C-alpha atoms as a PDB file:
ATOM      1  CA  UNK A   1       0.000   0.000   0.000  1.00  0.00           C
ATOM      2  CA  UNK A   2       2.904   2.368   0.666  1.00  0.00           C
ATOM      3  CA  UNK A   3       3.826   2.168  -3.028  1.00  0.00           C
ATOM      4  CA  UNK A   4       0.370   3.133  -4.288  1.00  0.00           C
ATOM      5  CA  UNK A   5       0.604   5.773  -7.002  1.00  0.00           C
ATOM      6  CA  UNK A   6       4.398   5.590  -7.263  1.00  0.00           C
ATOM      7  CA  UNK A   7       6.322   4.200 -10.288  1.00  0.00           C
ATOM      8  CA  UNK A   8       7.367   1.225  -8.180  1.00  0.00           C
ATOM      9  CA  UNK A   9       3.689   0.340  -7.718  1.00  0.00           C
ATOM     10  CA  UNK A  10       3.180  -0.002 -11.467  1.00  0.00           C
ATOM     11  CA  UNK A  11       6.413  -1.974 -11.812  1.00  0.00           C
ATOM     12  CA  UNK A  12       5.429  -4.327  -8.999  1.00  0.00           C
ATOM     13  CA  UNK A  13       2.006  -4.929 -10.492  1.00  0.00           C
ATOM     14  CA  UNK A  14       3.412  -5.573 -13.940  1.00  0.00           C
ATOM     15  CA  UNK A  15       6.070  -8.002 -12.714  1.00  0.00           C
ATOM     16  CA  UNK A  16       3.615  -9.804 -10.429  1.00  0.00           C
ATOM     17  CA  UNK A  17       1.229 -10.332 -13.343  1.00  0.00           C
ATOM     18  CA  UNK A  18       4.025 -11.598 -15.612  1.00  0.00           C
ATOM     19  CA  UNK A  19       5.315 -14.061 -13.024  1.00  0.00           C
ATOM     20  CA  UNK A  20       1.862 -15.392 -12.170  1.00  0.00           C
ATOM     21  CA  UNK A  21       0.924 -15.747 -15.830  1.00  0.00           C
ATOM     22  CA  UNK A  22       4.254 -17.456 -16.497  1.00  0.00           C
ATOM     23  CA  UNK A  23       3.618 -20.025 -13.775  1.00  0.00           C
ATOM     24  CA  UNK A  24       0.163 -20.744 -15.198  1.00  0.00           C
ATOM     25  CA  UNK A  25       1.631 -21.059 -18.700  1.00  0.00           C
ATOM     26  CA  UNK A  26       3.964 -23.892 -17.671  1.00  0.00           C
ATOM     27  CA  UNK A  27       1.206 -26.339 -18.541  1.00  0.00           C
ATOM     28  CA  UNK A  28       1.850 -25.548 -22.221  1.00  0.00           C
ATOM     29  CA  UNK A  29       5.363 -27.035 -22.114  1.00  0.00           C
ATOM     30  CA  UNK A  30       6.467 -24.563 -24.792  1.00  0.00           C
ATOM     31  CA  UNK A  31      10.032 -25.824 -24.638  1.00  0.00           C
ATOM     32  CA  UNK A  32       8.931 -29.166 -26.106  1.00  0.00           C
ATOM     33  CA  UNK A  33       7.429 -27.800 -29.342  1.00  0.00           C
ATOM     34  CA  UNK A  34       9.279 -24.531 -29.920  1.00  0.00           C
ATOM     35  CA  UNK A  35       9.372 -24.446 -33.724  1.00  0.00           C
ATOM     36  CA  UNK A  36       8.222 -20.964 -34.744  1.00  0.00           C
ATOM     37  CA  UNK A  37       8.648 -19.080 -38.014  1.00  0.00           C
ATOM     38  CA  UNK A  38       7.923 -15.733 -36.307  1.00  0.00           C
ATOM     39  CA  UNK A  39       9.690 -15.837 -32.942  1.00  0.00           C
ATOM     40  CA  UNK A  40      11.949 -18.878 -33.124  1.00  0.00           C
ATOM     41  CA  UNK A  41      15.664 -18.735 -32.392  1.00  0.00           C
ATOM     42  CA  UNK A  42      16.434 -18.866 -36.125  1.00  0.00           C
ATOM     43  CA  UNK A  43      14.780 -15.432 -36.463  1.00  0.00           C
ATOM     44  CA  UNK A  44      15.827 -13.781 -33.190  1.00  0.00           C
ATOM     45  CA  UNK A  45      19.489 -14.809 -33.102  1.00  0.00           C
ATOM     46  CA  UNK A  46      20.382 -13.460 -36.566  1.00  0.00           C
ATOM     47  CA  UNK A  47      18.938 -10.105 -35.464  1.00  0.00           C
ATOM     48  CA  UNK A  48      20.912 -10.317 -32.226  1.00  0.00           C
ATOM     49  CA  UNK A  49      24.050 -10.696 -34.338  1.00  0.00           C
ATOM     50  CA  UNK A  50      23.311  -7.360 -36.040  1.00  0.00           C
ATOM     51  CA  UNK A  51      23.309  -5.500 -32.708  1.00  0.00           C
ATOM     52  CA  UNK A  52      26.141  -7.438 -31.039  1.00  0.00           C
ATOM     53  CA  UNK A  53      28.519  -4.798 -29.529  1.00  0.00           C
ATOM     54  CA  UNK A  54      31.971  -4.777 -31.145  1.00  0.00           C
ATOM     55  CA  UNK A  55      34.830  -2.313 -31.622  1.00  0.00           C
ATOM     56  CA  UNK A  56      37.295  -3.196 -28.845  1.00  0.00           C
ATOM     57  CA  UNK A  57      39.370  -6.230 -27.888  1.00  0.00           C
ATOM     58  CA  UNK A  58      37.121  -7.042 -24.930  1.00  0.00           C
ATOM     59  CA  UNK A  59      33.926  -6.723 -26.980  1.00  0.00           C
ATOM     60  CA  UNK A  60      35.367  -8.898 -29.737  1.00  0.00           C
ATOM     61  CA  UNK A  61      36.266 -11.560 -27.183  1.00  0.00           C
ATOM     62  CA  UNK A  62      32.750 -11.415 -25.755  1.00  0.00           C
ATOM     63  CA  UNK A  63      31.232 -11.741 -29.232  1.00  0.00           C
ATOM     64  CA  UNK A  64      33.291 -14.819 -30.044  1.00  0.00           C
ATOM     65  CA  UNK A  65      32.492 -16.367 -26.646  1.00  0.00           C
ATOM     66  CA  UNK A  66      28.768 -15.791 -27.149  1.00  0.00           C
ATOM     67  CA  UNK A  67      28.513 -17.193 -30.651  1.00  0.00           C
ATOM     68  CA  UNK A  68      30.672 -20.205 -29.881  1.00  0.00           C
ATOM     69  CA  UNK A  69      27.802 -21.312 -27.632  1.00  0.00           C
ATOM     70  CA  UNK A  70      25.248 -21.360 -30.451  1.00  0.00           C
ATOM     71  CA  UNK A  71      25.903 -24.985 -31.558  1.00  0.00           C
ATOM     72  CA  UNK A  72      25.308 -26.247 -28.024  1.00  0.00           C
ATOM     73  CA  UNK A  73      22.117 -24.189 -27.832  1.00  0.00           C
ATOM     74  CA  UNK A  74      20.878 -25.695 -31.099  1.00  0.00           C
ATOM     75  CA  UNK A  75      21.647 -29.220 -29.975  1.00  0.00           C
ATOM     76  CA  UNK A  76      19.626 -28.651 -26.791  1.00  0.00           C
ATOM     77  CA  UNK A  77      16.730 -27.430 -28.942  1.00  0.00           C
ATOM     78  CA  UNK A  78      16.893 -30.620 -31.005  1.00  0.00           C
ATOM     79  CA  UNK A  79      16.808 -32.796 -27.885  1.00  0.00           C
ATOM     80  CA  UNK A  80      13.867 -30.801 -26.499  1.00  0.00           C
ATOM     81  CA  UNK A  81      11.950 -31.413 -29.719  1.00  0.00           C
ATOM     82  CA  UNK A  82      12.767 -35.121 -29.613  1.00  0.00           C
ATOM     83  CA  UNK A  83      11.453 -35.278 -26.076  1.00  0.00           C
ATOM     84  CA  UNK A  84       8.363 -33.374 -27.167  1.00  0.00           C
ATOM     85  CA  UNK A  85       7.598 -35.976 -29.810  1.00  0.00           C
ATOM     86  CA  UNK A  86       7.990 -38.728 -27.213  1.00  0.00           C
ATOM     87  CA  UNK A  87       5.449 -36.968 -24.985  1.00  0.00           C
ATOM     88  CA  UNK A  88       2.996 -36.116 -27.764  1.00  0.00           C
ATOM     89  CA  UNK A  89       3.960 -32.463 -28.319  1.00  0.00           C
ATOM     90  CA  UNK A  90       4.794 -30.975 -31.704  1.00  0.00           C
ATOM     91  CA  UNK A  91       4.505 -27.770 -33.690  1.00  0.00           C
ATOM     92  CA  UNK A  92       2.032 -27.598 -36.615  1.00  0.00           C
ATOM     93  CA  UNK A  93       3.388 -29.161 -39.804  1.00  0.00           C
ATOM     94  CA  UNK A  94       2.884 -26.000 -41.839  1.00  0.00           C
ATOM     95  CA  UNK A  95       4.950 -24.019 -39.357  1.00  0.00           C
ATOM     96  CA  UNK A  96       7.743 -26.587 -39.513  1.00  0.00           C
ATOM     97  CA  UNK A  97       7.859 -26.310 -43.317  1.00  0.00           C
ATOM     98  CA  UNK A  98       8.205 -22.525 -43.091  1.00  0.00           C
ATOM     99  CA  UNK A  99      11.083 -22.834 -40.612  1.00  0.00           C
ATOM    100  CA  UNK A 100      12.860 -25.338 -42.841  1.00  0.00           C
ATOM    101  CA  UNK A 101      12.626 -22.801 -45.674  1.00  0.00           C
ATOM    102  CA  UNK A 102      14.106 -20.090 -43.460  1.00  0.00           C
ATOM    103  CA  UNK A 103      17.025 -22.335 -42.538  1.00  0.00           C
ATOM    104  CA  UNK A 104      17.622 -23.200 -46.201  1.00  0.00           C
ATOM    105  CA  UNK A 105      17.920 -19.500 -46.997  1.00  0.00           C
ATOM    106  CA  UNK A 106      20.123 -18.821 -43.967  1.00  0.00           C
ATOM    107  CA  UNK A 107      22.546 -21.445 -45.250  1.00  0.00           C
ATOM    108  CA  UNK A 108      22.681 -20.199 -48.863  1.00  0.00           C
ATOM    109  CA  UNK A 109      25.280 -17.392 -48.662  1.00  0.00           C
ATOM    110  CA  UNK A 110      28.992 -17.953 -47.983  1.00  0.00           C
ATOM    111  CA  UNK A 111      30.133 -17.389 -44.373  1.00  0.00           C
ATOM    112  CA  UNK A 112      31.241 -13.789 -44.971  1.00  0.00           C
ATOM    113  CA  UNK A 113      27.714 -12.901 -46.120  1.00  0.00           C
ATOM    114  CA  UNK A 114      25.890 -14.905 -43.470  1.00  0.00           C
ATOM    115  CA  UNK A 115      23.332 -13.147 -41.257  1.00  0.00           C
ATOM    116  CA  UNK A 116      25.479 -14.287 -38.334  1.00  0.00           C
ATOM    117  CA  UNK A 117      28.644 -12.640 -39.718  1.00  0.00           C
ATOM    118  CA  UNK A 118      27.386  -9.125 -38.878  1.00  0.00           C
ATOM    119  CA  UNK A 119      29.699  -8.570 -35.863  1.00  0.00           C
ATOM    120  CA  UNK A 120      32.766  -9.044 -38.057  1.00  0.00           C
ATOM    121  CA  UNK A 121      31.302  -7.043 -40.947  1.00  0.00           C
ATOM    122  CA  UNK A 122      30.858  -4.058 -38.611  1.00  0.00           C
ATOM    123  CA  UNK A 123      34.321  -4.310 -37.039  1.00  0.00           C
ATOM    124  CA  UNK A 124      37.741  -3.178 -38.280  1.00  0.00           C
ATOM    125  CA  UNK A 125      39.928  -6.032 -37.018  1.00  0.00           C
ATOM    126  CA  UNK A 126      41.160  -8.464 -39.725  1.00  0.00           C
ATOM    127  CA  UNK A 127      41.981 -11.037 -37.066  1.00  0.00           C
ATOM    128  CA  UNK A 128      38.483 -10.855 -35.645  1.00  0.00           C
ATOM    129  CA  UNK A 129      37.001 -11.136 -39.134  1.00  0.00           C
ATOM    130  CA  UNK A 130      39.049 -14.258 -39.836  1.00  0.00           C
ATOM    131  CA  UNK A 131      38.101 -15.834 -36.510  1.00  0.00           C
ATOM    132  CA  UNK A 132      34.426 -15.059 -36.959  1.00  0.00           C
ATOM    133  CA  UNK A 133      34.370 -16.326 -40.529  1.00  0.00           C
ATOM    134  CA  UNK A 134      35.850 -19.609 -39.339  1.00  0.00           C
ATOM    135  CA  UNK A 135      33.296 -19.740 -36.519  1.00  0.00           C
ATOM    136  CA  UNK A 136      30.410 -19.342 -38.964  1.00  0.00           C
ATOM    137  CA  UNK A 137      31.840 -21.873 -41.415  1.00  0.00           C
ATOM    138  CA  UNK A 138      32.968 -24.516 -38.934  1.00  0.00           C
ATOM    139  CA  UNK A 139      30.450 -24.236 -36.078  1.00  0.00           C
ATOM    140  CA  UNK A 140      27.400 -22.075 -36.707  1.00  0.00           C
ATOM    141  CA  UNK A 141      26.495 -23.287 -40.201  1.00  0.00           C
ATOM    142  CA  UNK A 142      26.928 -26.972 -39.292  1.00  0.00           C
ATOM    143  CA  UNK A 143      24.608 -26.399 -36.313  1.00  0.00           C
ATOM    144  CA  UNK A 144      22.023 -24.820 -38.591  1.00  0.00           C
ATOM    145  CA  UNK A 145      22.316 -27.814 -40.900  1.00  0.00           C
ATOM    146  CA  UNK A 146      21.825 -30.269 -38.026  1.00  0.00           C
ATOM    147  CA  UNK A 147      18.663 -28.492 -36.952  1.00  0.00           C
ATOM    148  CA  UNK A 148      17.364 -28.158 -40.531  1.00  0.00           C
ATOM    149  CA  UNK A 149      18.075 -31.796 -41.322  1.00  0.00           C
ATOM    150  CA  UNK A 150      16.444 -32.957 -38.090  1.00  0.00           C
ATOM    151  CA  UNK A 151      13.297 -30.982 -38.901  1.00  0.00           C
ATOM    152  CA  UNK A 152      13.214 -32.233 -42.479  1.00  0.00           C
ATOM    153  CA  UNK A 153      14.106 -35.880 -41.937  1.00  0.00           C
ATOM    154  CA  UNK A 154      12.620 -36.648 -38.523  1.00  0.00           C
ATOM    155  CA  UNK A 155      10.316 -33.964 -37.190  1.00  0.00           C
ATOM    156  CA  UNK A 156       8.224 -32.876 -40.178  1.00  0.00           C
ATOM    157  CA  UNK A 157       6.491 -36.209 -40.734  1.00  0.00           C
ATOM    158  CA  UNK A 158       5.703 -36.496 -37.021  1.00  0.00           C
ATOM    159  CA  UNK A 159       4.474 -32.917 -36.592  1.00  0.00           C
ATOM    160  CA  UNK A 160       0.786 -32.366 -35.961  1.00  0.00           C
ATOM    161  CA  UNK A 161      -1.480 -31.437 -38.854  1.00  0.00           C
ATOM    162  CA  UNK A 162      -3.931 -29.504 -36.662  1.00  0.00           C
ATOM    163  CA  UNK A 163      -3.239 -25.842 -35.951  1.00  0.00           C
ATOM    164  CA  UNK A 164      -5.180 -25.649 -32.695  1.00  0.00           C
ATOM    165  CA  UNK A 165      -3.304 -26.096 -29.432  1.00  0.00           C
ATOM    166  CA  UNK A 166      -6.144 -28.395 -28.363  1.00  0.00           C
ATOM    167  CA  UNK A 167      -4.324 -31.114 -30.303  1.00  0.00           C
ATOM    168  CA  UNK A 168      -1.605 -31.139 -27.625  1.00  0.00           C
ATOM    169  CA  UNK A 169      -1.666 -32.731 -24.168  1.00  0.00           C
ATOM    170  CA  UNK A 170      -3.447 -30.374 -21.753  1.00  0.00           C
ATOM    171  CA  UNK A 171      -4.298 -28.201 -24.730  1.00  0.00           C
ATOM    172  CA  UNK A 172      -7.437 -26.693 -23.191  1.00  0.00           C
ATOM    173  CA  UNK A 173      -5.525 -25.654 -20.074  1.00  0.00           C
ATOM    174  CA  UNK A 174      -2.758 -24.254 -22.242  1.00  0.00           C
ATOM    175  CA  UNK A 175      -5.253 -22.193 -24.214  1.00  0.00           C
ATOM    176  CA  UNK A 176      -6.755 -20.724 -21.054  1.00  0.00           C
ATOM    177  CA  UNK A 177      -3.286 -19.957 -19.705  1.00  0.00           C
ATOM    178  CA  UNK A 178      -2.461 -18.227 -22.976  1.00  0.00           C
ATOM    179  CA  UNK A 179      -5.605 -16.108 -22.679  1.00  0.00           C
ATOM    180  CA  UNK A 180      -4.443 -15.052 -19.218  1.00  0.00           C
ATOM    181  CA  UNK A 181      -0.907 -14.369 -20.427  1.00  0.00           C
ATOM    182  CA  UNK A 182      -1.932 -12.149 -23.341  1.00  0.00           C
ATOM    183  CA  UNK A 183      -4.940 -10.421 -21.802  1.00  0.00           C
ATOM    184  CA  UNK A 184      -4.039 -10.343 -18.041  1.00  0.00           C
ATOM    185  CA  UNK A 185      -7.508 -11.658 -17.165  1.00  0.00           C
ATOM    186  CA  UNK A 186      -8.368 -15.251 -16.319  1.00  0.00           C
ATOM    187  CA  UNK A 187     -11.575 -15.818 -18.261  1.00  0.00           C
ATOM    188  CA  UNK A 188     -13.084 -18.815 -19.996  1.00  0.00           C
ATOM    189  CA  UNK A 189     -11.976 -19.153 -23.619  1.00  0.00           C
ATOM    190  CA  UNK A 190     -15.616 -19.310 -24.712  1.00  0.00           C
ATOM    191  CA  UNK A 191     -16.201 -15.861 -23.194  1.00  0.00           C
ATOM    192  CA  UNK A 192     -13.245 -14.476 -25.113  1.00  0.00           C
ATOM    193  CA  UNK A 193     -14.487 -16.099 -28.310  1.00  0.00           C
ATOM    194  CA  UNK A 194     -17.935 -14.563 -27.911  1.00  0.00           C
ATOM    195  CA  UNK A 195     -16.366 -11.186 -27.231  1.00  0.00           C
ATOM    196  CA  UNK A 196     -14.389 -11.572 -30.449  1.00  0.00           C
ATOM    197  CA  UNK A 197     -17.532 -12.342 -32.418  1.00  0.00           C
ATOM    198  CA  UNK A 198     -19.236  -9.249 -31.016  1.00  0.00           C
ATOM    199  CA  UNK A 199     -16.257  -7.058 -31.902  1.00  0.00           C
ATOM    200  CA  UNK A 200     -16.114  -8.497 -35.411  1.00  0.00           C
ATOM    201  CA  UNK A 201     -19.779  -7.648 -35.888  1.00  0.00           C
ATOM    202  CA  UNK A 202     -19.059  -4.029 -34.963  1.00  0.00           C
ATOM    203  CA  UNK A 203     -16.072  -3.939 -37.303  1.00  0.00           C
ATOM    204  CA  UNK A 204     -18.188  -5.350 -40.120  1.00  0.00           C
ATOM    205  CA  UNK A 205     -20.644  -2.493 -39.604  1.00  0.00           C
ATOM    206  CA  UNK A 206     -17.834   0.053 -39.795  1.00  0.00           C
ATOM    207  CA  UNK A 207     -16.490  -1.598 -42.941  1.00  0.00           C
ATOM    208  CA  UNK A 208     -19.949  -1.423 -44.486  1.00  0.00           C
ATOM    209  CA  UNK A 209     -20.012   2.348 -43.979  1.00  0.00           C
ATOM    210  CA  UNK A 210     -16.533   2.770 -45.496  1.00  0.00           C
ATOM    211  CA  UNK A 211     -17.358   0.519 -48.448  1.00  0.00           C
ATOM    212  CA  UNK A 212     -20.473   2.523 -49.306  1.00  0.00           C
ATOM    213  CA  UNK A 213     -18.832   5.915 -48.706  1.00  0.00           C
ATOM    214  CA  UNK A 214     -15.498   5.381 -50.444  1.00  0.00           C
ATOM    215  CA  UNK A 215     -16.137   2.609 -52.966  1.00  0.00           C
ATOM    216  CA  UNK A 216     -19.864   2.883 -53.724  1.00  0.00           C
ATOM    217  CA  UNK A 217     -20.643  -0.718 -52.827  1.00  0.00           C
ATOM    218  CA  UNK A 218     -22.396  -2.547 -50.018  1.00  0.00           C
ATOM    219  CA  UNK A 219     -20.742  -5.887 -50.845  1.00  0.00           C
ATOM    220  CA  UNK A 220     -17.900  -5.895 -48.319  1.00  0.00           C
ATOM    221  CA  UNK A 221     -16.601  -9.441 -49.052  1.00  0.00           C
ATOM    222  CA  UNK A 222     -16.377  -8.680 -52.763  1.00  0.00           C
ATOM    223  CA  UNK A 223     -14.596  -5.401 -52.049  1.00  0.00           C
ATOM    224  CA  UNK A 224     -12.057  -7.100 -49.786  1.00  0.00           C
ATOM    225  CA  UNK A 225     -11.353  -9.640 -52.500  1.00  0.00           C
ATOM    226  CA  UNK A 226     -10.891  -6.871 -55.059  1.00  0.00           C
ATOM    227  CA  UNK A 227      -8.451  -5.062 -52.773  1.00  0.00           C
ATOM    228  CA  UNK A 228      -6.377  -8.243 -52.606  1.00  0.00           C
ATOM    229  CA  UNK A 229      -6.255  -9.082 -56.329  1.00  0.00           C
ATOM    230  CA  UNK A 230      -6.910  -5.974 -58.444  1.00  0.00           C
ATOM    231  CA  UNK A 231      -3.570  -4.759 -59.914  1.00  0.00           C
ATOM    232  CA  UNK A 232      -4.541  -1.127 -59.402  1.00  0.00           C
ATOM    233  CA  UNK A 233      -4.355  -1.663 -55.635  1.00  0.00           C
ATOM    234  CA  UNK A 234      -0.958  -3.406 -55.746  1.00  0.00           C
ATOM    235  CA  UNK A 235       2.553  -2.048 -55.372  1.00  0.00           C
ATOM    236  CA  UNK A 236       5.044  -2.128 -58.217  1.00  0.00           C
ATOM    237  CA  UNK A 237       8.403  -2.152 -56.422  1.00  0.00           C
ATOM    238  CA  UNK A 238       9.949  -2.912 -53.051  1.00  0.00           C
ATOM    239  CA  UNK A 239      10.956   0.736 -52.747  1.00  0.00           C
ATOM    240  CA  UNK A 240       7.333   1.756 -53.162  1.00  0.00           C
ATOM    241  CA  UNK A 241       6.328  -0.375 -50.167  1.00  0.00           C
ATOM    242  CA  UNK A 242       9.083   1.218 -48.070  1.00  0.00           C
ATOM    243  CA  UNK A 243       8.071   4.745 -49.085  1.00  0.00           C
ATOM    244  CA  UNK A 244       4.395   4.026 -48.434  1.00  0.00           C
ATOM    245  CA  UNK A 245       5.206   2.779 -44.939  1.00  0.00           C
ATOM    246  CA  UNK A 246       7.624   5.632 -44.231  1.00  0.00           C
ATOM    247  CA  UNK A 247       4.904   8.121 -45.103  1.00  0.00           C
ATOM    248  CA  UNK A 248       2.595   6.482 -42.566  1.00  0.00           C
ATOM    249  CA  UNK A 249       5.239   6.615 -39.830  1.00  0.00           C
ATOM    250  CA  UNK A 250       6.116  10.246 -40.607  1.00  0.00           C
ATOM    251  CA  UNK A 251       2.467  11.292 -40.407  1.00  0.00           C
ATOM    252  CA  UNK A 252       1.980   9.374 -37.168  1.00  0.00           C
ATOM    253  CA  UNK A 253       5.083  10.952 -35.621  1.00  0.00           C
ATOM    254  CA  UNK A 254       3.880  14.441 -36.555  1.00  0.00           C
ATOM    255  CA  UNK A 255       0.403  13.802 -35.133  1.00  0.00           C
ATOM    256  CA  UNK A 256       1.599  12.072 -31.954  1.00  0.00           C
ATOM    257  CA  UNK A 257       1.949  15.207 -29.758  1.00  0.00           C
ATOM    258  CA  UNK A 258      -1.638  16.172 -30.561  1.00  0.00           C
ATOM    259  CA  UNK A 259      -2.937  12.971 -28.984  1.00  0.00           C
ATOM    260  CA  UNK A 260      -0.464  12.035 -26.238  1.00  0.00           C
ATOM    261  CA  UNK A 261       0.845  14.039 -23.308  1.00  0.00           C
ATOM    262  CA  UNK A 262       4.035  11.979 -23.050  1.00  0.00           C
ATOM    263  CA  UNK A 263       5.986  11.072 -26.177  1.00  0.00           C
ATOM    264  CA  UNK A 264       9.211   9.073 -26.538  1.00  0.00           C
ATOM    265  CA  UNK A 265      12.613  10.525 -27.208  1.00  0.00           C
ATOM    266  CA  UNK A 266      13.667   7.433 -29.172  1.00  0.00           C
ATOM    267  CA  UNK A 267      13.153   7.557 -32.916  1.00  0.00           C
ATOM    268  CA  UNK A 268      12.025   4.671 -35.112  1.00  0.00           C
ATOM    269  CA  UNK A 269      13.412   3.607 -38.489  1.00  0.00           C
ATOM    270  CA  UNK A 270      12.064   1.284 -41.175  1.00  0.00           C
ATOM    271  CA  UNK A 271      14.006  -1.627 -42.640  1.00  0.00           C
ATOM    272  CA  UNK A 272      12.989  -4.501 -44.910  1.00  0.00           C
ATOM    273  CA  UNK A 273      12.598  -7.894 -43.286  1.00  0.00           C
ATOM    274  CA  UNK A 274      15.802  -9.919 -43.862  1.00  0.00           C
ATOM    275  CA  UNK A 275      15.632 -11.899 -47.088  1.00  0.00           C
ATOM    276  CA  UNK A 276      15.830 -15.305 -45.407  1.00  0.00           C
ATOM    277  CA  UNK A 277      12.418 -14.841 -43.780  1.00  0.00           C
ATOM    278  CA  UNK A 278      10.627 -12.271 -45.902  1.00  0.00           C
ATOM    279  CA  UNK A 279       8.268 -14.901 -47.331  1.00  0.00           C
ATOM    280  CA  UNK A 280       6.808 -15.682 -43.886  1.00  0.00           C
ATOM    281  CA  UNK A 281       6.690 -12.211 -42.311  1.00  0.00           C
ATOM    282  CA  UNK A 282       4.514  -9.119 -42.647  1.00  0.00           C
ATOM    283  CA  UNK A 283       5.766  -6.578 -40.151  1.00  0.00           C
ATOM    284  CA  UNK A 284       7.327  -6.504 -36.692  1.00  0.00           C
ATOM    285  CA  UNK A 285       9.010  -4.144 -34.250  1.00  0.00           C
ATOM    286  CA  UNK A 286      12.312  -4.255 -32.396  1.00  0.00           C
ATOM    287  CA  UNK A 287      12.631  -1.859 -29.463  1.00  0.00           C
ATOM    288  CA  UNK A 288      15.169   0.949 -29.246  1.00  0.00           C
ATOM    289  CA  UNK A 289      18.195   0.519 -27.004  1.00  0.00           C
ATOM    290  CA  UNK A 290      17.587   1.827 -23.493  1.00  0.00           C
ATOM    291  CA  UNK A 291      20.799   3.873 -23.578  1.00  0.00           C
ATOM    292  CA  UNK A 292      19.700   5.694 -26.728  1.00  0.00           C
ATOM    293  CA  UNK A 293      22.438   4.163 -28.880  1.00  0.00           C
ATOM    294  CA  UNK A 294      20.003   2.473 -31.275  1.00  0.00           C
ATOM    295  CA  UNK A 295      16.573   3.552 -32.539  1.00  0.00           C
ATOM    296  CA  UNK A 296      13.546   1.325 -32.657  1.00  0.00           C
ATOM    297  CA  UNK A 297      13.205  -0.588 -35.914  1.00  0.00           C
ATOM    298  CA  UNK A 298      10.030  -1.408 -37.811  1.00  0.00           C
ATOM    299  CA  UNK A 299      10.696  -4.341 -40.144  1.00  0.00           C
ATOM    300  CA  UNK A 300       8.346  -4.765 -43.098  1.00  0.00           C
ATOM    301  CA  UNK A 301       8.293  -7.454 -45.773  1.00  0.00           C
ATOM    302  CA  UNK A 302       8.761  -6.172 -49.322  1.00  0.00           C
ATOM    303  CA  UNK A 303       8.452  -9.621 -50.875  1.00  0.00           C
ATOM    304  CA  UNK A 304       6.577  -9.798 -54.218  1.00  0.00           C
ATOM    305  CA  UNK A 305       5.372  -6.179 -54.227  1.00  0.00           C
ATOM    306  CA  UNK A 306       3.079  -6.849 -57.174  1.00  0.00           C
ATOM    307  CA  UNK A 307       1.147  -9.228 -54.894  1.00  0.00           C
ATOM    308  CA  UNK A 308       0.979  -6.841 -51.934  1.00  0.00           C
ATOM    309  CA  UNK A 309      -2.164  -4.750 -51.572  1.00  0.00           C
ATOM    310  CA  UNK A 310      -2.007  -1.128 -50.474  1.00  0.00           C
ATOM    311  CA  UNK A 311      -4.902  -1.860 -48.137  1.00  0.00           C
ATOM    312  CA  UNK A 312      -2.695  -3.280 -45.396  1.00  0.00           C
ATOM    313  CA  UNK A 313       0.811  -1.852 -44.915  1.00  0.00           C
ATOM    314  CA  UNK A 314      -0.084   1.490 -43.356  1.00  0.00           C
ATOM    315  CA  UNK A 315      -2.283  -0.187 -40.742  1.00  0.00           C
ATOM    316  CA  UNK A 316       0.667  -2.474 -39.954  1.00  0.00           C
ATOM    317  CA  UNK A 317       2.950   0.572 -39.710  1.00  0.00           C
ATOM    318  CA  UNK A 318       0.651   2.308 -37.216  1.00  0.00           C
ATOM    319  CA  UNK A 319       0.336  -0.898 -35.175  1.00  0.00           C
ATOM    320  CA  UNK A 320       4.083  -1.512 -34.982  1.00  0.00           C
ATOM    321  CA  UNK A 321       5.200   2.096 -34.454  1.00  0.00           C
ATOM    322  CA  UNK A 322       2.840   4.931 -33.509  1.00  0.00           C
ATOM    323  CA  UNK A 323       0.421   4.772 -31.747  1.00  0.00           C
ATOM    324  CA  UNK A 324       1.479   1.135 -31.379  1.00  0.00           C
ATOM    325  CA  UNK A 325       4.527  -0.687 -30.078  1.00  0.00           C
ATOM    326  CA  UNK A 326       7.195   1.989 -30.525  1.00  0.00           C
ATOM    327  CA  UNK A 327       5.185   4.524 -28.541  1.00  0.00           C
ATOM    328  CA  UNK A 328       4.167   1.963 -25.934  1.00  0.00           C
ATOM    329  CA  UNK A 329       7.557   0.333 -25.352  1.00  0.00           C
ATOM    330  CA  UNK A 330       9.714   3.450 -25.630  1.00  0.00           C
ATOM    331  CA  UNK A 331       7.707   5.358 -23.027  1.00  0.00           C
ATOM    332  CA  UNK A 332       7.813   2.352 -20.698  1.00  0.00           C
ATOM    333  CA  UNK A 333      11.579   1.873 -21.083  1.00  0.00           C
ATOM    334  CA  UNK A 334      12.866   5.438 -21.095  1.00  0.00           C
ATOM    335  CA  UNK A 335      13.796   6.765 -17.635  1.00  0.00           C
ATOM    336  CA  UNK A 336      11.254   9.171 -16.187  1.00  0.00           C
ATOM    337  CA  UNK A 337      12.093  12.650 -17.430  1.00  0.00           C
ATOM    338  CA  UNK A 338      14.013  11.426 -20.461  1.00  0.00           C
ATOM    339  CA  UNK A 339      10.887  11.232 -22.602  1.00  0.00           C
ATOM    340  CA  UNK A 340       9.129  14.434 -23.530  1.00  0.00           C
ATOM    341  CA  UNK A 341       6.322  15.775 -21.335  1.00  0.00           C
ATOM    342  CA  UNK A 342       3.873  17.835 -23.352  1.00  0.00           C
END
């Protein structure tokens, strides 16, 4: 009670909720079926390599020590997946296929152009570059191959065909725990489902108004299909997608002070999703460094621009940046007084 209204009160409440939700989520046994094309290690660790600190002897030594551990990490992941299969846990087969494709593309370039080679590419030491190139060639790439080959030759055929988590042991309990973890409220899944249906009905009504006002039609399903396939709504180039998204972020940044009394100091940049996973991504956000040394990054897929509708990317940009994750996370992470009070 003595903390009520103080920053520590909010921090305590947030941490308490995360810990309690985490305990409840243990029933899911996530470690036994952790194949994920969006948040798996094969997507997060290549990004980590791009922000690995380098530039001094001690930082180079730390980088080499860290990345020498990757093969052991991968081997533990393989054993966890084997144990998952023994206990009846697996990722959906479609997800596994997407991850195999990502690993294939990660392994295509030579070591000096690998996603994992970034620490050496950003450093000036020839000796470090040689050591890191050897590390990628002799340790990291073979580990990626072991994981890829295990998924392809052993795991894929045993993976579950169903998407729903109900196909797993204790799936219903896992689903309820996931509802608690993402929403912070412990409610029955059926209640959440009914709430979703009600919200979708309201959204459909709003879409009906927009369709009639802006497109002169009351047939919303037909309009949505047209937006997805009509060439006049598609992009022509990757650069056009980037510019379209940048315009959305610039407009949101300019409008932000009109709507929020506290705005972040950290800026946000836009980059294309790395090539090795652009076929399975839409957009995502990586938070700015707390010390201000690195801006937030909004990654957007520019894959097959002629098949990408203009109807979606700006909504994704607003969600990932402002008033979405960049605004949310930057304000939460910046020390009080460092962000701008308006």
